[in-house]
Amino acid sequence: MKNLMIATAATVALMASVTTAQADGQKTFQAACFACHGTGAAGAPKVGDKAAWGPRIAKGIATLEKHALHGFKGDKGVMPAKGGRADLSDADVKAAVAYMVSQAK
């Protein structure tokens, strides 16, 4: 019984951290990413557009994070490093990427 309680507590803690990461990602998206990913400016895939995000997601989260953190020039547009917001932490950018990916699945 004690082991079950420990496992349950660990599961709850993990789920809380995932929820917090999504909330932070959504906050960062609204504050920093929406200008392009909400409108499609500069060729950015709009949040929630499964067709546009599908091929990107297929490349893996590590690739998406790398492009978001360091910038990327693709066939359809440009992603400036950290969306042009050098003040964002790497964790903020990764959380925003996770949020946008979650909206496209």
PDB file of N, CA and C in Angstrom:
ATOM      1  N   MET A   1       0.818  -1.184   0.000  1.00  0.00           N
ATOM      2  CA  MET A   1       0.000   0.000   0.000  1.00  0.00           C
ATOM      3  C   MET A   1       0.871   1.259   0.000  1.00  0.00           C
ATOM      4  N   LYS A   2       1.951   1.232   0.808  1.00  0.00           N
ATOM      5  CA  LYS A   2       2.843   2.383   0.894  1.00  0.00           C
ATOM      6  C   LYS A   2       3.488   2.661  -0.467  1.00  0.00           C
ATOM      7  N   ASN A   3       3.927   1.589  -1.169  1.00  0.00           N
ATOM      8  CA  ASN A   3       4.526   1.766  -2.498  1.00  0.00           C
ATOM      9  C   ASN A   3       3.532   2.360  -3.481  1.00  0.00           C
ATOM     10  N   LEU A   4       2.286   1.958  -3.393  1.00  0.00           N
ATOM     11  CA  LEU A   4       1.249   2.498  -4.274  1.00  0.00           C
ATOM     12  C   LEU A   4       1.059   3.984  -4.005  1.00  0.00           C
ATOM     13  N   MET A   5       1.089   4.375  -2.746  1.00  0.00           N
ATOM     14  CA  MET A   5       0.931   5.787  -2.395  1.00  0.00           C
ATOM     15  C   MET A   5       2.107   6.607  -2.909  1.00  0.00           C
ATOM     16  N   ILE A   6       3.313   6.060  -2.840  1.00  0.00           N
ATOM     17  CA  ILE A   6       4.493   6.752  -3.351  1.00  0.00           C
ATOM     18  C   ILE A   6       4.400   6.890  -4.861  1.00  0.00           C
ATOM     19  N   ALA A   7       4.011   5.821  -5.537  1.00  0.00           N
ATOM     20  CA  ALA A   7       3.868   5.875  -6.992  1.00  0.00           C
ATOM     21  C   ALA A   7       2.798   6.872  -7.393  1.00  0.00           C
ATOM     22  N   THR A   8       1.695   6.894  -6.667  1.00  0.00           N
ATOM     23  CA  THR A   8       0.622   7.825  -6.977  1.00  0.00           C
ATOM     24  C   THR A   8       1.086   9.264  -6.770  1.00  0.00           C
ATOM     25  N   ALA A   9       1.798   9.524  -5.694  1.00  0.00           N
ATOM     26  CA  ALA A   9       2.313  10.867  -5.434  1.00  0.00           C
ATOM     27  C   ALA A   9       3.285  11.294  -6.531  1.00  0.00           C
ATOM     28  N   ALA A  10       4.123  10.371  -6.970  1.00  0.00           N
ATOM     29  CA  ALA A  10       5.070  10.679  -8.043  1.00  0.00           C
ATOM     30  C   ALA A  10       4.335  10.985  -9.339  1.00  0.00           C
ATOM     31  N   THR A  11       3.291  10.234  -9.634  1.00  0.00           N
ATOM     32  CA  THR A  11       2.498  10.459 -10.842  1.00  0.00           C
ATOM     33  C   THR A  11       1.826  11.827 -10.791  1.00  0.00           C
ATOM     34  N   VAL A  12       1.257  12.173  -9.651  1.00  0.00           N
ATOM     35  CA  VAL A  12       0.615  13.474  -9.491  1.00  0.00           C
ATOM     36  C   VAL A  12       1.634  14.595  -9.677  1.00  0.00           C
ATOM     37  N   ALA A  13       2.816  14.447  -9.106  1.00  0.00           N
ATOM     38  CA  ALA A  13       3.854  15.463  -9.240  1.00  0.00           C
ATOM     39  C   ALA A  13       4.280  15.618 -10.693  1.00  0.00           C
ATOM     40  N   LEU A  14       4.431  14.497 -11.395  1.00  0.00           N
ATOM     41  CA  LEU A  14       4.812  14.544 -12.800  1.00  0.00           C
ATOM     42  C   LEU A  14       3.740  15.239 -13.621  1.00  0.00           C
ATOM     43  N   MET A  15       2.495  14.904 -13.405  1.00  0.00           N
ATOM     44  CA  MET A  15       1.402  15.522 -14.151  1.00  0.00           C
ATOM     45  C   MET A  15       1.322  17.021 -13.857  1.00  0.00           C
ATOM     46  N   ALA A  16       1.588  17.419 -12.628  1.00  0.00           N
ATOM     47  CA  ALA A  16       1.581  18.840 -12.276  1.00  0.00           C
ATOM     48  C   ALA A  16       2.693  19.575 -13.011  1.00  0.00           C
ATOM     49  N   SER A  17       3.866  18.942 -13.126  1.00  0.00           N
ATOM     50  CA  SER A  17       4.965  19.599 -13.831  1.00  0.00           C
ATOM     51  C   SER A  17       4.670  19.711 -15.316  1.00  0.00           C
ATOM     52  N   VAL A  18       4.023  18.716 -15.896  1.00  0.00           N
ATOM     53  CA  VAL A  18       3.634  18.779 -17.309  1.00  0.00           C
ATOM     54  C   VAL A  18       2.623  19.895 -17.510  1.00  0.00           C
ATOM     55  N   THR A  19       1.635  19.984 -16.635  1.00  0.00           N
ATOM     56  CA  THR A  19       0.628  21.027 -16.734  1.00  0.00           C
ATOM     57  C   THR A  19       1.269  22.400 -16.600  1.00  0.00           C
ATOM     58  N   THR A  20       2.205  22.551 -15.673  1.00  0.00           N
ATOM     59  CA  THR A  20       2.895  23.824 -15.494  1.00  0.00           C
ATOM     60  C   THR A  20       3.689  24.174 -16.738  1.00  0.00           C
ATOM     61  N   ALA A  21       4.370  23.191 -17.319  1.00  0.00           N
ATOM     62  CA  ALA A  21       5.145  23.449 -18.533  1.00  0.00           C
ATOM     63  C   ALA A  21       4.232  23.904 -19.657  1.00  0.00           C
ATOM     64  N   GLN A  22       3.056  23.283 -19.786  1.00  0.00           N
ATOM     65  CA  GLN A  22       2.128  23.697 -20.829  1.00  0.00           C
ATOM     66  C   GLN A  22       1.617  25.101 -20.562  1.00  0.00           C
ATOM     67  N   ALA A  23       1.319  25.409 -19.311  1.00  0.00           N
ATOM     68  CA  ALA A  23       0.829  26.745 -18.974  1.00  0.00           C
ATOM     69  C   ALA A  23       1.896  27.783 -19.284  1.00  0.00           C
ATOM     70  N   ASP A  24       3.149  27.518 -18.905  1.00  0.00           N
ATOM     71  CA  ASP A  24       4.233  28.438 -19.202  1.00  0.00           C
ATOM     72  C   ASP A  24       4.432  28.563 -20.711  1.00  0.00           C
ATOM     73  N   GLY A  25       4.323  27.450 -21.412  1.00  0.00           N
ATOM     74  CA  GLY A  25       4.453  27.468 -22.868  1.00  0.00           C
ATOM     75  C   GLY A  25       3.364  28.296 -23.516  1.00  0.00           C
ATOM     76  N   GLN A  26       2.158  28.172 -23.019  1.00  0.00           N
ATOM     77  CA  GLN A  26       1.055  28.961 -23.551  1.00  0.00           C
ATOM     78  C   GLN A  26       1.286  30.448 -23.274  1.00  0.00           C
ATOM     79  N   LYS A  27       1.766  30.757 -22.079  1.00  0.00           N
ATOM     80  CA  LYS A  27       2.049  32.148 -21.714  1.00  0.00           C
ATOM     81  C   LYS A  27       3.132  32.723 -22.628  1.00  0.00           C
ATOM     82  N   THR A  28       4.195  31.971 -22.839  1.00  0.00           N
ATOM     83  CA  THR A  28       5.274  32.423 -23.719  1.00  0.00           C
ATOM     84  C   THR A  28       4.762  32.570 -25.141  1.00  0.00           C
ATOM     85  N   PHE A  29       3.957  31.608 -25.591  1.00  0.00           N
ATOM     86  CA  PHE A  29       3.381  31.689 -26.935  1.00  0.00           C
ATOM     87  C   PHE A  29       2.595  32.988 -27.092  1.00  0.00           C
ATOM     88  N   GLN A  30       1.724  33.271 -26.141  1.00  0.00           N
ATOM     89  CA  GLN A  30       0.892  34.476 -26.227  1.00  0.00           C
ATOM     90  C   GLN A  30       1.743  35.748 -26.223  1.00  0.00           C
ATOM     91  N   ALA A  31       2.792  35.765 -25.409  1.00  0.00           N
ATOM     92  CA  ALA A  31       3.620  36.962 -25.261  1.00  0.00           C
ATOM     93  C   ALA A  31       4.640  37.149 -26.375  1.00  0.00           C
ATOM     94  N   ALA A  32       5.150  36.048 -26.920  1.00  0.00           N
ATOM     95  CA  ALA A  32       6.285  36.170 -27.826  1.00  0.00           C
ATOM     96  C   ALA A  32       6.115  35.518 -29.193  1.00  0.00           C
ATOM     97  N   CYS A  33       5.305  34.490 -29.283  1.00  0.00           N
ATOM     98  CA  CYS A  33       5.241  33.698 -30.514  1.00  0.00           C
ATOM     99  C   CYS A  33       4.014  33.994 -31.374  1.00  0.00           C
ATOM    100  N   PHE A  34       2.981  34.530 -30.729  1.00  0.00           N
ATOM    101  CA  PHE A  34       1.710  34.730 -31.420  1.00  0.00           C
ATOM    102  C   PHE A  34       1.843  35.632 -32.647  1.00  0.00           C
ATOM    103  N   ALA A  35       2.700  36.629 -32.585  1.00  0.00           N
ATOM    104  CA  ALA A  35       2.828  37.570 -33.695  1.00  0.00           C
ATOM    105  C   ALA A  35       3.039  36.851 -35.025  1.00  0.00           C
ATOM    106  N   CYS A  36       3.809  35.794 -35.017  1.00  0.00           N
ATOM    107  CA  CYS A  36       4.041  35.032 -36.256  1.00  0.00           C
ATOM    108  C   CYS A  36       3.221  33.747 -36.299  1.00  0.00           C
ATOM    109  N   HIS A  37       3.255  32.968 -35.207  1.00  0.00           N
ATOM    110  CA  HIS A  37       2.587  31.670 -35.211  1.00  0.00           C
ATOM    111  C   HIS A  37       1.080  31.772 -35.012  1.00  0.00           C
ATOM    112  N   GLY A  38       0.595  32.949 -34.703  1.00  0.00           N
ATOM    113  CA  GLY A  38      -0.846  33.166 -34.628  1.00  0.00           C
ATOM    114  C   GLY A  38      -1.413  33.701 -35.931  1.00  0.00           C
ATOM    115  N   THR A  39      -0.539  34.284 -36.761  1.00  0.00           N
ATOM    116  CA  THR A  39      -0.986  34.934 -37.995  1.00  0.00           C
ATOM    117  C   THR A  39      -0.418  34.313 -39.270  1.00  0.00           C
ATOM    118  N   GLY A  40       0.662  33.555 -39.121  1.00  0.00           N
ATOM    119  CA  GLY A  40       1.324  32.977 -40.295  1.00  0.00           C
ATOM    120  C   GLY A  40       2.365  33.905 -40.900  1.00  0.00           C
ATOM    121  N   ALA A  41       2.685  34.993 -40.201  1.00  0.00           N
ATOM    122  CA  ALA A  41       3.684  35.939 -40.704  1.00  0.00           C
ATOM    123  C   ALA A  41       5.026  35.251 -40.910  1.00  0.00           C
ATOM    124  N   ALA A  42       5.759  35.717 -41.895  1.00  0.00           N
ATOM    125  CA  ALA A  42       7.105  35.215 -42.222  1.00  0.00           C
ATOM    126  C   ALA A  42       7.108  33.724 -42.534  1.00  0.00           C
ATOM    127  N   GLY A  43       5.955  33.192 -42.940  1.00  0.00           N
ATOM    128  CA  GLY A  43       5.863  31.778 -43.297  1.00  0.00           C
ATOM    129  C   GLY A  43       5.751  30.845 -42.108  1.00  0.00           C
ATOM    130  N   ALA A  44       5.495  31.410 -40.923  1.00  0.00           N
ATOM    131  CA  ALA A  44       5.399  30.584 -39.713  1.00  0.00           C
ATOM    132  C   ALA A  44       4.157  29.699 -39.758  1.00  0.00           C
ATOM    133  N   PRO A  45       4.290  28.430 -39.368  1.00  0.00           N
ATOM    134  CA  PRO A  45       3.097  27.583 -39.294  1.00  0.00           C
ATOM    135  C   PRO A  45       2.200  28.084 -38.163  1.00  0.00           C
ATOM    136  N   LYS A  46       0.935  28.293 -38.474  1.00  0.00           N
ATOM    137  CA  LYS A  46       0.002  28.788 -37.462  1.00  0.00           C
ATOM    138  C   LYS A  46      -0.285  27.701 -36.433  1.00  0.00           C
ATOM    139  N   VAL A  47      -0.372  28.118 -35.182  1.00  0.00           N
ATOM    140  CA  VAL A  47      -0.662  27.177 -34.109  1.00  0.00           C
ATOM    141  C   VAL A  47      -1.987  26.485 -34.410  1.00  0.00           C
ATOM    142  N   GLY A  48      -1.995  25.163 -34.236  1.00  0.00           N
ATOM    143  CA  GLY A  48      -3.192  24.368 -34.488  1.00  0.00           C
ATOM    144  C   GLY A  48      -3.341  23.863 -35.910  1.00  0.00           C
ATOM    145  N   ASP A  49      -2.497  24.320 -36.834  1.00  0.00           N
ATOM    146  CA  ASP A  49      -2.574  23.894 -38.234  1.00  0.00           C
ATOM    147  C   ASP A  49      -1.844  22.559 -38.380  1.00  0.00           C
ATOM    148  N   LYS A  50      -2.596  21.482 -38.290  1.00  0.00           N
ATOM    149  CA  LYS A  50      -2.009  20.137 -38.301  1.00  0.00           C
ATOM    150  C   LYS A  50      -1.247  19.847 -39.591  1.00  0.00           C
ATOM    151  N   ALA A  51      -1.756  20.317 -40.715  1.00  0.00           N
ATOM    152  CA  ALA A  51      -1.081  20.057 -41.990  1.00  0.00           C
ATOM    153  C   ALA A  51       0.284  20.745 -42.041  1.00  0.00           C
ATOM    154  N   ALA A  52       0.362  21.952 -41.524  1.00  0.00           N
ATOM    155  CA  ALA A  52       1.629  22.686 -41.546  1.00  0.00           C
ATOM    156  C   ALA A  52       2.610  22.143 -40.511  1.00  0.00           C
ATOM    157  N   TRP A  53       2.095  21.732 -39.354  1.00  0.00           N
ATOM    158  CA  TRP A  53       2.966  21.261 -38.287  1.00  0.00           C
ATOM    159  C   TRP A  53       3.381  19.803 -38.451  1.00  0.00           C
ATOM    160  N   GLY A  54       2.578  18.999 -39.115  1.00  0.00           N
ATOM    161  CA  GLY A  54       2.859  17.567 -39.235  1.00  0.00           C
ATOM    162  C   GLY A  54       4.267  17.234 -39.696  1.00  0.00           C
ATOM    163  N   PRO A  55       4.705  17.779 -40.843  1.00  0.00           N
ATOM    164  CA  PRO A  55       6.064  17.462 -41.303  1.00  0.00           C
ATOM    165  C   PRO A  55       7.150  17.970 -40.343  1.00  0.00           C
ATOM    166  N   ARG A  56       6.868  19.052 -39.684  1.00  0.00           N
ATOM    167  CA  ARG A  56       7.838  19.597 -38.727  1.00  0.00           C
ATOM    168  C   ARG A  56       7.921  18.700 -37.496  1.00  0.00           C
ATOM    169  N   ILE A  57       6.767  18.295 -36.988  1.00  0.00           N
ATOM    170  CA  ILE A  57       6.729  17.410 -35.819  1.00  0.00           C
ATOM    171  C   ILE A  57       7.416  16.087 -36.131  1.00  0.00           C
ATOM    172  N   ALA A  58       7.271  15.617 -37.358  1.00  0.00           N
ATOM    173  CA  ALA A  58       7.889  14.352 -37.770  1.00  0.00           C
ATOM    174  C   ALA A  58       9.413  14.391 -37.665  1.00  0.00           C
ATOM    175  N   LYS A  59      10.002  15.580 -37.704  1.00  0.00           N
ATOM    176  CA  LYS A  59      11.460  15.712 -37.581  1.00  0.00           C
ATOM    177  C   LYS A  59      11.933  15.570 -36.138  1.00  0.00           C
ATOM    178  N   GLY A  60      11.000  15.607 -35.211  1.00  0.00           N
ATOM    179  CA  GLY A  60      11.329  15.408 -33.804  1.00  0.00           C
ATOM    180  C   GLY A  60      11.373  16.701 -33.015  1.00  0.00           C
ATOM    181  N   ILE A  61      11.051  16.585 -31.744  1.00  0.00           N
ATOM    182  CA  ILE A  61      11.018  17.745 -30.858  1.00  0.00           C
ATOM    183  C   ILE A  61      12.390  18.386 -30.720  1.00  0.00           C
ATOM    184  N   ALA A  62      13.445  17.589 -30.722  1.00  0.00           N
ATOM    185  CA  ALA A  62      14.802  18.145 -30.586  1.00  0.00           C
ATOM    186  C   ALA A  62      15.118  19.092 -31.749  1.00  0.00           C
ATOM    187  N   THR A  63      14.705  18.716 -32.949  1.00  0.00           N
ATOM    188  CA  THR A  63      14.934  19.574 -34.123  1.00  0.00           C
ATOM    189  C   THR A  63      14.120  20.857 -34.016  1.00  0.00           C
ATOM    190  N   LEU A  64      12.849  20.735 -33.606  1.00  0.00           N
ATOM    191  CA  LEU A  64      12.017  21.926 -33.452  1.00  0.00           C
ATOM    192  C   LEU A  64      12.602  22.876 -32.404  1.00  0.00           C
ATOM    193  N   GLU A  65      13.054  22.315 -31.296  1.00  0.00           N
ATOM    194  CA  GLU A  65      13.659  23.138 -30.253  1.00  0.00           C
ATOM    195  C   GLU A  65      14.931  23.810 -30.758  1.00  0.00           C
ATOM    196  N   LYS A  66      15.753  23.077 -31.477  1.00  0.00           N
ATOM    197  CA  LYS A  66      16.999  23.634 -32.016  1.00  0.00           C
ATOM    198  C   LYS A  66      16.691  24.805 -32.943  1.00  0.00           C
ATOM    199  N   HIS A  67      15.718  24.626 -33.831  1.00  0.00           N
ATOM    200  CA  HIS A  67      15.359  25.698 -34.764  1.00  0.00           C
ATOM    201  C   HIS A  67      14.797  26.909 -34.026  1.00  0.00           C
ATOM    202  N   ALA A  68      13.983  26.657 -33.007  1.00  0.00           N
ATOM    203  CA  ALA A  68      13.402  27.760 -32.242  1.00  0.00           C
ATOM    204  C   ALA A  68      14.472  28.507 -31.437  1.00  0.00           C
ATOM    205  N   LEU A  69      15.415  27.776 -30.895  1.00  0.00           N
ATOM    206  CA  LEU A  69      16.457  28.392 -30.073  1.00  0.00           C
ATOM    207  C   LEU A  69      17.510  29.123 -30.898  1.00  0.00           C
ATOM    208  N   HIS A  70      17.911  28.524 -32.015  1.00  0.00           N
ATOM    209  CA  HIS A  70      19.051  29.044 -32.766  1.00  0.00           C
ATOM    210  C   HIS A  70      18.685  29.665 -34.100  1.00  0.00           C
ATOM    211  N   GLY A  71      17.430  29.562 -34.487  1.00  0.00           N
ATOM    212  CA  GLY A  71      16.983  30.114 -35.761  1.00  0.00           C
ATOM    213  C   GLY A  71      17.067  29.090 -36.873  1.00  0.00           C
ATOM    214  N   PHE A  72      16.319  29.368 -37.934  1.00  0.00           N
ATOM    215  CA  PHE A  72      16.250  28.430 -39.052  1.00  0.00           C
ATOM    216  C   PHE A  72      15.687  29.156 -40.264  1.00  0.00           C
ATOM    217  N   LYS A  73      16.252  28.863 -41.416  1.00  0.00           N
ATOM    218  CA  LYS A  73      15.699  29.378 -42.671  1.00  0.00           C
ATOM    219  C   LYS A  73      15.278  28.180 -43.493  1.00  0.00           C
ATOM    220  N   GLY A  74      13.985  28.074 -43.750  1.00  0.00           N
ATOM    221  CA  GLY A  74      13.452  26.958 -44.513  1.00  0.00           C
ATOM    222  C   GLY A  74      12.923  27.397 -45.858  1.00  0.00           C
ATOM    223  N   ASP A  75      12.333  26.466 -46.578  1.00  0.00           N
ATOM    224  CA  ASP A  75      11.767  26.765 -47.888  1.00  0.00           C
ATOM    225  C   ASP A  75      10.572  27.712 -47.800  1.00  0.00           C
ATOM    226  N   LYS A  76       9.869  27.661 -46.676  1.00  0.00           N
ATOM    227  CA  LYS A  76       8.631  28.431 -46.560  1.00  0.00           C
ATOM    228  C   LYS A  76       8.737  29.647 -45.662  1.00  0.00           C
ATOM    229  N   GLY A  77       9.867  29.858 -45.017  1.00  0.00           N
ATOM    230  CA  GLY A  77       9.966  31.011 -44.136  1.00  0.00           C
ATOM    231  C   GLY A  77      11.211  31.012 -43.287  1.00  0.00           C
ATOM    232  N   VAL A  78      11.220  31.942 -42.353  1.00  0.00           N
ATOM    233  CA  VAL A  78      12.375  32.141 -41.488  1.00  0.00           C
ATOM    234  C   VAL A  78      11.925  32.120 -40.038  1.00  0.00           C
ATOM    235  N   MET A  79      12.703  31.445 -39.205  1.00  0.00           N
ATOM    236  CA  MET A  79      12.475  31.441 -37.765  1.00  0.00           C
ATOM    237  C   MET A  79      13.689  32.090 -37.134  1.00  0.00           C
ATOM    238  N   PRO A  80      13.541  33.335 -36.636  1.00  0.00           N
ATOM    239  CA  PRO A  80      14.699  33.942 -35.965  1.00  0.00           C
ATOM    240  C   PRO A  80      14.974  33.242 -34.635  1.00  0.00           C
ATOM    241  N   ALA A  81      16.206  33.260 -34.209  1.00  0.00           N
ATOM    242  CA  ALA A  81      16.565  32.649 -32.925  1.00  0.00           C
ATOM    243  C   ALA A  81      15.687  33.220 -31.822  1.00  0.00           C
ATOM    244  N   LYS A  82      15.071  32.318 -31.058  1.00  0.00           N
ATOM    245  CA  LYS A  82      14.167  32.675 -29.968  1.00  0.00           C
ATOM    246  C   LYS A  82      13.074  33.643 -30.426  1.00  0.00           C
ATOM    247  N   GLY A  83      12.702  33.537 -31.683  1.00  0.00           N
ATOM    248  CA  GLY A  83      11.652  34.403 -32.203  1.00  0.00           C
ATOM    249  C   GLY A  83      12.025  35.874 -32.159  1.00  0.00           C
ATOM    250  N   GLY A  84      13.322  36.139 -32.118  1.00  0.00           N
ATOM    251  CA  GLY A  84      13.783  37.515 -32.017  1.00  0.00           C
ATOM    252  C   GLY A  84      13.745  38.055 -30.593  1.00  0.00           C
ATOM    253  N   ARG A  85      13.466  37.203 -29.644  1.00  0.00           N
ATOM    254  CA  ARG A  85      13.355  37.612 -28.234  1.00  0.00           C
ATOM    255  C   ARG A  85      14.508  37.014 -27.436  1.00  0.00           C
ATOM    256  N   ALA A  86      15.648  37.644 -27.516  1.00  0.00           N
ATOM    257  CA  ALA A  86      16.847  37.160 -26.818  1.00  0.00           C
ATOM    258  C   ALA A  86      16.648  37.112 -25.302  1.00  0.00           C
ATOM    259  N   ASP A  87      15.636  37.817 -24.798  1.00  0.00           N
ATOM    260  CA  ASP A  87      15.390  37.832 -23.360  1.00  0.00           C
ATOM    261  C   ASP A  87      14.736  36.553 -22.854  1.00  0.00           C
ATOM    262  N   LEU A  88      14.231  35.708 -23.751  1.00  0.00           N
ATOM    263  CA  LEU A  88      13.591  34.464 -23.339  1.00  0.00           C
ATOM    264  C   LEU A  88      14.638  33.424 -22.940  1.00  0.00           C
ATOM    265  N   SER A  89      14.334  32.678 -21.910  1.00  0.00           N
ATOM    266  CA  SER A  89      15.228  31.586 -21.518  1.00  0.00           C
ATOM    267  C   SER A  89      15.025  30.414 -22.482  1.00  0.00           C
ATOM    268  N   ASP A  90      15.999  29.531 -22.512  1.00  0.00           N
ATOM    269  CA  ASP A  90      15.860  28.321 -23.327  1.00  0.00           C
ATOM    270  C   ASP A  90      14.641  27.527 -22.872  1.00  0.00           C
ATOM    271  N   ALA A  91      14.419  27.466 -21.563  1.00  0.00           N
ATOM    272  CA  ALA A  91      13.271  26.718 -21.034  1.00  0.00           C
ATOM    273  C   ALA A  91      11.953  27.327 -21.500  1.00  0.00           C
ATOM    274  N   ASP A  92      11.870  28.660 -21.549  1.00  0.00           N
ATOM    275  CA  ASP A  92      10.657  29.311 -22.042  1.00  0.00           C
ATOM    276  C   ASP A  92      10.395  28.940 -23.500  1.00  0.00           C
ATOM    277  N   VAL A  93      11.439  28.974 -24.303  1.00  0.00           N
ATOM    278  CA  VAL A  93      11.300  28.658 -25.730  1.00  0.00           C
ATOM    279  C   VAL A  93      10.879  27.204 -25.907  1.00  0.00           C
ATOM    280  N   LYS A  94      11.512  26.302 -25.179  1.00  0.00           N
ATOM    281  CA  LYS A  94      11.163  24.878 -25.280  1.00  0.00           C
ATOM    282  C   LYS A  94       9.727  24.642 -24.823  1.00  0.00           C
ATOM    283  N   ALA A  95       9.289  25.342 -23.802  1.00  0.00           N
ATOM    284  CA  ALA A  95       7.908  25.195 -23.333  1.00  0.00           C
ATOM    285  C   ALA A  95       6.927  25.704 -24.387  1.00  0.00           C
ATOM    286  N   ALA A  96       7.275  26.789 -25.053  1.00  0.00           N
ATOM    287  CA  ALA A  96       6.411  27.316 -26.116  1.00  0.00           C
ATOM    288  C   ALA A  96       6.338  26.337 -27.280  1.00  0.00           C
ATOM    289  N   VAL A  97       7.468  25.733 -27.637  1.00  0.00           N
ATOM    290  CA  VAL A  97       7.481  24.720 -28.697  1.00  0.00           C
ATOM    291  C   VAL A  97       6.573  23.555 -28.300  1.00  0.00           C
ATOM    292  N   ALA A  98       6.705  23.079 -27.076  1.00  0.00           N
ATOM    293  CA  ALA A  98       5.877  21.971 -26.599  1.00  0.00           C
ATOM    294  C   ALA A  98       4.391  22.339 -26.650  1.00  0.00           C
ATOM    295  N   TYR A  99       4.075  23.565 -26.272  1.00  0.00           N
ATOM    296  CA  TYR A  99       2.689  24.023 -26.325  1.00  0.00           C
ATOM    297  C   TYR A  99       2.166  24.004 -27.761  1.00  0.00           C
ATOM    298  N   MET A 100       2.937  24.571 -28.693  1.00  0.00           N
ATOM    299  CA  MET A 100       2.485  24.625 -30.090  1.00  0.00           C
ATOM    300  C   MET A 100       2.333  23.218 -30.679  1.00  0.00           C
ATOM    301  N   VAL A 101       3.270  22.338 -30.362  1.00  0.00           N
ATOM    302  CA  VAL A 101       3.176  20.953 -30.842  1.00  0.00           C
ATOM    303  C   VAL A 101       1.918  20.301 -30.293  1.00  0.00           C
ATOM    304  N   SER A 102       1.629  20.534 -29.016  1.00  0.00           N
ATOM    305  CA  SER A 102       0.445  19.926 -28.399  1.00  0.00           C
ATOM    306  C   SER A 102      -0.842  20.390 -29.069  1.00  0.00           C
ATOM    307  N   GLN A 103      -0.829  21.585 -29.617  1.00  0.00           N
ATOM    308  CA  GLN A 103      -2.021  22.128 -30.267  1.00  0.00           C
ATOM    309  C   GLN A 103      -2.207  21.593 -31.692  1.00  0.00           C
ATOM    310  N   ALA A 104      -1.168  20.956 -32.221  1.00  0.00           N
ATOM    311  CA  ALA A 104      -1.215  20.458 -33.601  1.00  0.00           C
ATOM    312  C   ALA A 104      -1.392  18.956 -33.683  1.00  0.00           C
ATOM    313  N   LYS A 105      -1.577  18.295 -32.567  1.00  0.00           N
ATOM    314  CA  LYS A 105      -1.730  16.838 -32.574  1.00  0.00           C
ATOM    315  C   LYS A 105      -3.181  16.462 -32.561  1.00  0.00           C
TER     316      LYS A 105
END
